[in-house]
PDB file of N, CA and C in Angstrom:
ATOM      1  N   MET A   1      77.961  41.505-156.649  1.00  0.00           N
ATOM      2  CA  MET A   1      77.695  40.169-157.135  1.00  0.00           C
ATOM      3  C   MET A   1      77.618  39.235-155.932  1.00  0.00           C
ATOM      4  N   LEU A   2      76.594  38.432-155.881  1.00  0.00           N
ATOM      5  CA  LEU A   2      76.453  37.484-154.779  1.00  0.00           C
ATOM      6  C   LEU A   2      77.343  36.266-154.990  1.00  0.00           C
ATOM      7  N   VAL A   3      78.002  35.850-153.939  1.00  0.00           N
ATOM      8  CA  VAL A   3      78.791  34.620-153.964  1.00  0.00           C
ATOM      9  C   VAL A   3      77.908  33.523-153.391  1.00  0.00           C
ATOM     10  N   ALA A   4      77.781  32.424-154.071  1.00  0.00           N
ATOM     11  CA  ALA A   4      76.955  31.286-153.646  1.00  0.00           C
ATOM     12  C   ALA A   4      75.504  31.699-153.390  1.00  0.00           C
ATOM     13  N   PRO A   5      74.830  32.293-154.383  1.00  0.00           N
ATOM     14  CA  PRO A   5      73.449  32.734-154.182  1.00  0.00           C
ATOM     15  C   PRO A   5      72.506  31.603-153.801  1.00  0.00           C
ATOM     16  N   GLU A   6      72.850  30.388-154.169  1.00  0.00           N
ATOM     17  CA  GLU A   6      71.994  29.252-153.837  1.00  0.00           C
ATOM     18  C   GLU A   6      71.941  28.977-152.335  1.00  0.00           C
ATOM     19  N   LEU A   7      72.875  29.541-151.579  1.00  0.00           N
ATOM     20  CA  LEU A   7      72.904  29.346-150.131  1.00  0.00           C
ATOM     21  C   LEU A   7      72.209  30.468-149.360  1.00  0.00           C
ATOM     22  N   LEU A   8      71.845  31.538-150.042  1.00  0.00           N
ATOM     23  CA  LEU A   8      71.332  32.713-149.341  1.00  0.00           C
ATOM     24  C   LEU A   8      70.098  32.416-148.504  1.00  0.00           C
ATOM     25  N   GLU A   9      69.083  31.830-149.097  1.00  0.00           N
ATOM     26  CA  GLU A   9      67.840  31.595-148.345  1.00  0.00           C
ATOM     27  C   GLU A   9      68.080  30.744-147.103  1.00  0.00           C
ATOM     28  N   GLU A  10      68.981  29.794-147.204  1.00  0.00           N
ATOM     29  CA  GLU A  10      69.275  28.910-146.071  1.00  0.00           C
ATOM     30  C   GLU A  10      70.097  29.613-144.992  1.00  0.00           C
ATOM     31  N   GLU A  11      70.995  30.490-145.397  1.00  0.00           N
ATOM     32  CA  GLU A  11      71.942  31.069-144.455  1.00  0.00           C
ATOM     33  C   GLU A  11      71.607  32.489-143.985  1.00  0.00           C
ATOM     34  N   ILE A  12      70.645  33.129-144.591  1.00  0.00           N
ATOM     35  CA  ILE A  12      70.338  34.517-144.226  1.00  0.00           C
ATOM     36  C   ILE A  12      69.833  34.593-142.789  1.00  0.00           C
ATOM     37  N   ARG A  13      70.304  35.592-142.042  1.00  0.00           N
ATOM     38  CA  ARG A  13      69.925  35.744-140.634  1.00  0.00           C
ATOM     39  C   ARG A  13      69.146  37.035-140.398  1.00  0.00           C
ATOM     40  N   SER A  14      69.321  38.013-141.240  1.00  0.00           N
ATOM     41  CA  SER A  14      68.567  39.256-141.131  1.00  0.00           C
ATOM     42  C   SER A  14      68.224  39.718-142.543  1.00  0.00           C
ATOM     43  N   ARG A  15      67.266  40.598-142.643  1.00  0.00           N
ATOM     44  CA  ARG A  15      66.803  41.039-143.960  1.00  0.00           C
ATOM     45  C   ARG A  15      66.757  42.564-144.027  1.00  0.00           C
ATOM     46  N   PRO A  16      67.946  43.173-144.052  1.00  0.00           N
ATOM     47  CA  PRO A  16      67.974  44.631-144.158  1.00  0.00           C
ATOM     48  C   PRO A  16      67.544  45.072-145.553  1.00  0.00           C
ATOM     49  N   THR A  17      67.041  46.285-145.665  1.00  0.00           N
ATOM     50  CA  THR A  17      66.740  46.844-146.973  1.00  0.00           C
ATOM     51  C   THR A  17      68.069  47.071-147.689  1.00  0.00           C
ATOM     52  N   VAL A  18      68.112  46.748-148.984  1.00  0.00           N
ATOM     53  CA  VAL A  18      69.363  46.781-149.738  1.00  0.00           C
ATOM     54  C   VAL A  18      69.222  47.685-150.955  1.00  0.00           C
ATOM     55  N   LEU A  19      70.265  48.443-151.248  1.00  0.00           N
ATOM     56  CA  LEU A  19      70.363  49.222-152.472  1.00  0.00           C
ATOM     57  C   LEU A  19      71.486  48.626-153.308  1.00  0.00           C
ATOM     58  N   LEU A  20      71.168  48.239-154.541  1.00  0.00           N
ATOM     59  CA  LEU A  20      72.170  47.741-155.471  1.00  0.00           C
ATOM     60  C   LEU A  20      72.375  48.795-156.557  1.00  0.00           C
ATOM     61  N   ILE A  21      73.617  49.184-156.791  1.00  0.00           N
ATOM     62  CA  ILE A  21      73.957  50.142-157.842  1.00  0.00           C
ATOM     63  C   ILE A  21      74.996  49.475-158.725  1.00  0.00           C
ATOM     64  N   HIS A  22      74.772  49.563-160.039  1.00  0.00           N
ATOM     65  CA  HIS A  22      75.702  48.896-160.952  1.00  0.00           C
ATOM     66  C   HIS A  22      75.825  49.675-162.246  1.00  0.00           C
ATOM     67  N   GLY A  23      77.037  49.803-162.729  1.00  0.00           N
ATOM     68  CA  GLY A  23      77.294  50.471-164.006  1.00  0.00           C
ATOM     69  C   GLY A  23      76.948  49.565-165.169  1.00  0.00           C
ATOM     70  N   THR A  24      76.288  50.127-166.164  1.00  0.00           N
ATOM     71  CA  THR A  24      75.871  49.329-167.321  1.00  0.00           C
ATOM     72  C   THR A  24      77.056  48.889-168.186  1.00  0.00           C
ATOM     73  N   GLN A  25      78.200  49.537-168.030  1.00  0.00           N
ATOM     74  CA  GLN A  25      79.378  49.202-168.834  1.00  0.00           C
ATOM     75  C   GLN A  25      80.501  48.582-168.001  1.00  0.00           C
ATOM     76  N   ASP A  26      80.147  47.976-166.885  1.00  0.00           N
ATOM     77  CA  ASP A  26      81.135  47.348-166.005  1.00  0.00           C
ATOM     78  C   ASP A  26      81.785  46.179-166.728  1.00  0.00           C
ATOM     79  N   ASP A  27      83.118  46.224-166.852  1.00  0.00           N
ATOM     80  CA  ASP A  27      83.835  45.142-167.526  1.00  0.00           C
ATOM     81  C   ASP A  27      84.496  44.184-166.535  1.00  0.00           C
ATOM     82  N   VAL A  28      84.241  44.374-165.240  1.00  0.00           N
ATOM     83  CA  VAL A  28      84.782  43.486-164.211  1.00  0.00           C
ATOM     84  C   VAL A  28      83.689  42.563-163.683  1.00  0.00           C
ATOM     85  N   VAL A  29      82.585  43.143-163.260  1.00  0.00           N
ATOM     86  CA  VAL A  29      81.424  42.381-162.793  1.00  0.00           C
ATOM     87  C   VAL A  29      80.301  42.651-163.795  1.00  0.00           C
ATOM     88  N   PRO A  30      79.829  41.633-164.490  1.00  0.00           N
ATOM     89  CA  PRO A  30      78.806  41.842-165.528  1.00  0.00           C
ATOM     90  C   PRO A  30      77.559  42.538-164.980  1.00  0.00           C
ATOM     91  N   PHE A  31      77.002  43.463-165.768  1.00  0.00           N
ATOM     92  CA  PHE A  31      75.816  44.212-165.373  1.00  0.00           C
ATOM     93  C   PHE A  31      74.664  43.281-165.014  1.00  0.00           C
ATOM     94  N   ARG A  32      74.539  42.167-165.704  1.00  0.00           N
ATOM     95  CA  ARG A  32      73.438  41.229-165.428  1.00  0.00           C
ATOM     96  C   ARG A  32      73.488  40.684-163.997  1.00  0.00           C
ATOM     97  N   SER A  33      74.647  40.797-163.338  1.00  0.00           N
ATOM     98  CA  SER A  33      74.782  40.332-161.954  1.00  0.00           C
ATOM     99  C   SER A  33      73.844  41.086-161.019  1.00  0.00           C
ATOM    100  N   MET A  34      73.550  42.343-161.332  1.00  0.00           N
ATOM    101  CA  MET A  34      72.652  43.102-160.471  1.00  0.00           C
ATOM    102  C   MET A  34      71.257  42.501-160.493  1.00  0.00           C
ATOM    103  N   GLY A  35      70.767  42.149-161.658  1.00  0.00           N
ATOM    104  CA  GLY A  35      69.440  41.537-161.760  1.00  0.00           C
ATOM    105  C   GLY A  35      69.385  40.193-161.065  1.00  0.00           C
ATOM    106  N   MET A  36      70.455  39.430-161.199  1.00  0.00           N
ATOM    107  CA  MET A  36      70.508  38.131-160.533  1.00  0.00           C
ATOM    108  C   MET A  36      70.501  38.309-159.011  1.00  0.00           C
ATOM    109  N   ALA A  37      71.262  39.282-158.523  1.00  0.00           N
ATOM    110  CA  ALA A  37      71.297  39.547-157.081  1.00  0.00           C
ATOM    111  C   ALA A  37      69.938  40.043-156.595  1.00  0.00           C
ATOM    112  N   GLU A  38      69.303  40.915-157.377  1.00  0.00           N
ATOM    113  CA  GLU A  38      67.983  41.425-156.996  1.00  0.00           C
ATOM    114  C   GLU A  38      66.968  40.294-156.871  1.00  0.00           C
ATOM    115  N   ARG A  39      66.942  39.403-157.842  1.00  0.00           N
ATOM    116  CA  ARG A  39      65.992  38.284-157.792  1.00  0.00           C
ATOM    117  C   ARG A  39      66.268  37.361-156.610  1.00  0.00           C
ATOM    118  N   THR A  40      67.524  37.065-156.356  1.00  0.00           N
ATOM    119  CA  THR A  40      67.894  36.166-155.263  1.00  0.00           C
ATOM    120  C   THR A  40      67.555  36.779-153.909  1.00  0.00           C
ATOM    121  N   LEU A  41      67.901  38.049-153.728  1.00  0.00           N
ATOM    122  CA  LEU A  41      67.602  38.722-152.465  1.00  0.00           C
ATOM    123  C   LEU A  41      66.094  38.838-152.255  1.00  0.00           C
ATOM    124  N   SER A  42      65.365  39.208-153.290  1.00  0.00           N
ATOM    125  CA  SER A  42      63.905  39.333-153.189  1.00  0.00           C
ATOM    126  C   SER A  42      63.266  38.004-152.814  1.00  0.00           C
ATOM    127  N   ALA A  43      63.744  36.921-153.425  1.00  0.00           N
ATOM    128  CA  ALA A  43      63.210  35.589-153.122  1.00  0.00           C
ATOM    129  C   ALA A  43      63.452  35.207-151.664  1.00  0.00           C
ATOM    130  N   ALA A  44      64.501  35.794-151.065  1.00  0.00           N
ATOM    131  CA  ALA A  44      64.819  35.516-149.662  1.00  0.00           C
ATOM    132  C   ALA A  44      64.107  36.483-148.720  1.00  0.00           C
ATOM    133  N   GLY A  45      63.231  37.324-149.267  1.00  0.00           N
ATOM    134  CA  GLY A  45      62.459  38.233-148.434  1.00  0.00           C
ATOM    135  C   GLY A  45      63.133  39.556-148.122  1.00  0.00           C
ATOM    136  N   VAL A  46      64.158  39.905-148.882  1.00  0.00           N
ATOM    137  CA  VAL A  46      64.880  41.158-148.681  1.00  0.00           C
ATOM    138  C   VAL A  46      64.285  42.223-149.599  1.00  0.00           C
ATOM    139  N   ALA A  47      64.000  43.397-149.046  1.00  0.00           N
ATOM    140  CA  ALA A  47      63.515  44.521-149.857  1.00  0.00           C
ATOM    141  C   ALA A  47      64.711  45.108-150.612  1.00  0.00           C
ATOM    142  N   VAL A  48      64.602  45.157-151.937  1.00  0.00           N
ATOM    143  CA  VAL A  48      65.719  45.578-152.773  1.00  0.00           C
ATOM    144  C   VAL A  48      65.311  46.749-153.666  1.00  0.00           C
ATOM    145  N   THR A  49      66.184  47.737-153.741  1.00  0.00           N
ATOM    146  CA  THR A  49      66.060  48.836-154.688  1.00  0.00           C
ATOM    147  C   THR A  49      67.288  48.779-155.578  1.00  0.00           C
ATOM    148  N   THR A  50      67.111  49.033-156.876  1.00  0.00           N
ATOM    149  CA  THR A  50      68.247  49.006-157.787  1.00  0.00           C
ATOM    150  C   THR A  50      68.405  50.345-158.492  1.00  0.00           C
ATOM    151  N   ARG A  51      69.623  50.602-158.903  1.00  0.00           N
ATOM    152  CA  ARG A  51      69.940  51.800-159.676  1.00  0.00           C
ATOM    153  C   ARG A  51      70.982  51.418-160.715  1.00  0.00           C
ATOM    154  N   ALA A  52      70.631  51.563-161.982  1.00  0.00           N
ATOM    155  CA  ALA A  52      71.577  51.327-163.074  1.00  0.00           C
ATOM    156  C   ALA A  52      72.242  52.652-163.417  1.00  0.00           C
ATOM    157  N   SER A  53      73.554  52.674-163.403  1.00  0.00           N
ATOM    158  CA  SER A  53      74.304  53.868-163.771  1.00  0.00           C
ATOM    159  C   SER A  53      74.691  53.740-165.244  1.00  0.00           C
ATOM    160  N   GLU A  54      73.959  54.426-166.088  1.00  0.00           N
ATOM    161  CA  GLU A  54      74.156  54.332-167.545  1.00  0.00           C
ATOM    162  C   GLU A  54      75.558  54.774-167.949  1.00  0.00           C
ATOM    163  N   GLY A  55      76.208  53.928-168.735  1.00  0.00           N
ATOM    164  CA  GLY A  55      77.517  54.244-169.282  1.00  0.00           C
ATOM    165  C   GLY A  55      78.676  54.164-168.305  1.00  0.00           C
ATOM    166  N   VAL A  56      78.419  53.740-167.086  1.00  0.00           N
ATOM    167  CA  VAL A  56      79.461  53.689-166.056  1.00  0.00           C
ATOM    168  C   VAL A  56      80.086  52.302-166.036  1.00  0.00           C
ATOM    169  N   GLY A  57      81.406  52.274-165.895  1.00  0.00           N
ATOM    170  CA  GLY A  57      82.130  51.014-165.801  1.00  0.00           C
ATOM    171  C   GLY A  57      82.197  50.539-164.356  1.00  0.00           C
ATOM    172  N   HIS A  58      83.339  49.970-163.992  1.00  0.00           N
ATOM    173  CA  HIS A  58      83.538  49.420-162.651  1.00  0.00           C
ATOM    174  C   HIS A  58      83.999  50.540-161.721  1.00  0.00           C
ATOM    175  N   GLY A  59      83.046  51.316-161.272  1.00  0.00           N
ATOM    176  CA  GLY A  59      83.341  52.442-160.392  1.00  0.00           C
ATOM    177  C   GLY A  59      82.041  53.050-159.910  1.00  0.00           C
ATOM    178  N   VAL A  60      82.161  54.146-159.195  1.00  0.00           N
ATOM    179  CA  VAL A  60      80.984  54.818-158.671  1.00  0.00           C
ATOM    180  C   VAL A  60      80.898  56.204-159.304  1.00  0.00           C
ATOM    181  N   ALA A  61      79.774  56.463-159.949  1.00  0.00           N
ATOM    182  CA  ALA A  61      79.548  57.764-160.576  1.00  0.00           C
ATOM    183  C   ALA A  61      78.702  58.640-159.663  1.00  0.00           C
ATOM    184  N   HIS A  62      78.564  59.887-160.041  1.00  0.00           N
ATOM    185  CA  HIS A  62      77.807  60.858-159.246  1.00  0.00           C
ATOM    186  C   HIS A  62      76.389  60.367-158.954  1.00  0.00           C
ATOM    187  N   ASP A  63      75.703  59.796-159.943  1.00  0.00           N
ATOM    188  CA  ASP A  63      74.323  59.343-159.714  1.00  0.00           C
ATOM    189  C   ASP A  63      74.265  58.240-158.663  1.00  0.00           C
ATOM    190  N   GLY A  64      75.275  57.401-158.623  1.00  0.00           N
ATOM    191  CA  GLY A  64      75.329  56.350-157.607  1.00  0.00           C
ATOM    192  C   GLY A  64      75.554  56.912-156.213  1.00  0.00           C
ATOM    193  N   LEU A  65      76.396  57.932-156.122  1.00  0.00           N
ATOM    194  CA  LEU A  65      76.619  58.575-154.829  1.00  0.00           C
ATOM    195  C   LEU A  65      75.353  59.261-154.326  1.00  0.00           C
ATOM    196  N   VAL A  66      74.655  59.950-155.216  1.00  0.00           N
ATOM    197  CA  VAL A  66      73.410  60.621-154.840  1.00  0.00           C
ATOM    198  C   VAL A  66      72.379  59.593-154.380  1.00  0.00           C
ATOM    199  N   ALA A  67      72.244  58.503-155.133  1.00  0.00           N
ATOM    200  CA  ALA A  67      71.292  57.451-154.757  1.00  0.00           C
ATOM    201  C   ALA A  67      71.660  56.838-153.405  1.00  0.00           C
ATOM    202  N   SER A  68      72.944  56.673-153.153  1.00  0.00           N
ATOM    203  CA  SER A  68      73.403  56.100-151.879  1.00  0.00           C
ATOM    204  C   SER A  68      73.069  57.001-150.705  1.00  0.00           C
ATOM    205  N   VAL A  69      73.309  58.290-150.860  1.00  0.00           N
ATOM    206  CA  VAL A  69      73.014  59.240-149.789  1.00  0.00           C
ATOM    207  C   VAL A  69      71.510  59.276-149.514  1.00  0.00           C
ATOM    208  N   ASP A  70      70.708  59.330-150.580  1.00  0.00           N
ATOM    209  CA  ASP A  70      69.254  59.328-150.410  1.00  0.00           C
ATOM    210  C   ASP A  70      68.776  58.067-149.706  1.00  0.00           C
ATOM    211  N   PHE A  71      69.319  56.936-150.106  1.00  0.00           N
ATOM    212  CA  PHE A  71      68.960  55.653-149.516  1.00  0.00           C
ATOM    213  C   PHE A  71      69.324  55.630-148.023  1.00  0.00           C
ATOM    214  N   ALA A  72      70.533  56.076-147.692  1.00  0.00           N
ATOM    215  CA  ALA A  72      70.983  56.088-146.304  1.00  0.00           C
ATOM    216  C   ALA A  72      70.104  57.020-145.462  1.00  0.00           C
ATOM    217  N   ARG A  73      69.752  58.175-145.993  1.00  0.00           N
ATOM    218  CA  ARG A  73      68.898  59.107-145.247  1.00  0.00           C
ATOM    219  C   ARG A  73      67.552  58.475-144.924  1.00  0.00           C
ATOM    220  N   ARG A  74      66.959  57.799-145.915  1.00  0.00           N
ATOM    221  CA  ARG A  74      65.660  57.148-145.685  1.00  0.00           C
ATOM    222  C   ARG A  74      65.798  55.995-144.690  1.00  0.00           C
ATOM    223  N   ALA A  75      66.865  55.223-144.808  1.00  0.00           N
ATOM    224  CA  ALA A  75      67.048  54.048-143.949  1.00  0.00           C
ATOM    225  C   ALA A  75      67.346  54.428-142.501  1.00  0.00           C
ATOM    226  N   LEU A  76      67.954  55.577-142.289  1.00  0.00           N
ATOM    227  CA  LEU A  76      68.374  55.958-140.945  1.00  0.00           C
ATOM    228  C   LEU A  76      67.386  56.870-140.238  1.00  0.00           C
ATOM    229  N   ARG A  77      66.229  57.081-140.810  1.00  0.00           N
ATOM    230  CA  ARG A  77      65.212  57.916-140.144  1.00  0.00           C
ATOM    231  C   ARG A  77      64.649  57.232-138.946  1.00  0.00           C
TER     232      ARG A  77
END
């Protein structure tokens, strides 16, 4: 979840590629926060990829770990 998204465009200094992963059943950070973060980052010129982990709460499931490893491998080539 982005803190103070209204400040991002003004304060951003670099634009790394970002992977956002969020559980659809997260009861701590609302799932809709991922879409809000994606839109805000994209508007600031950041390349964003998202992954929704179906049925996952506030944690990391196997699909999120796999997506993270794949993302890191591509980013570090």
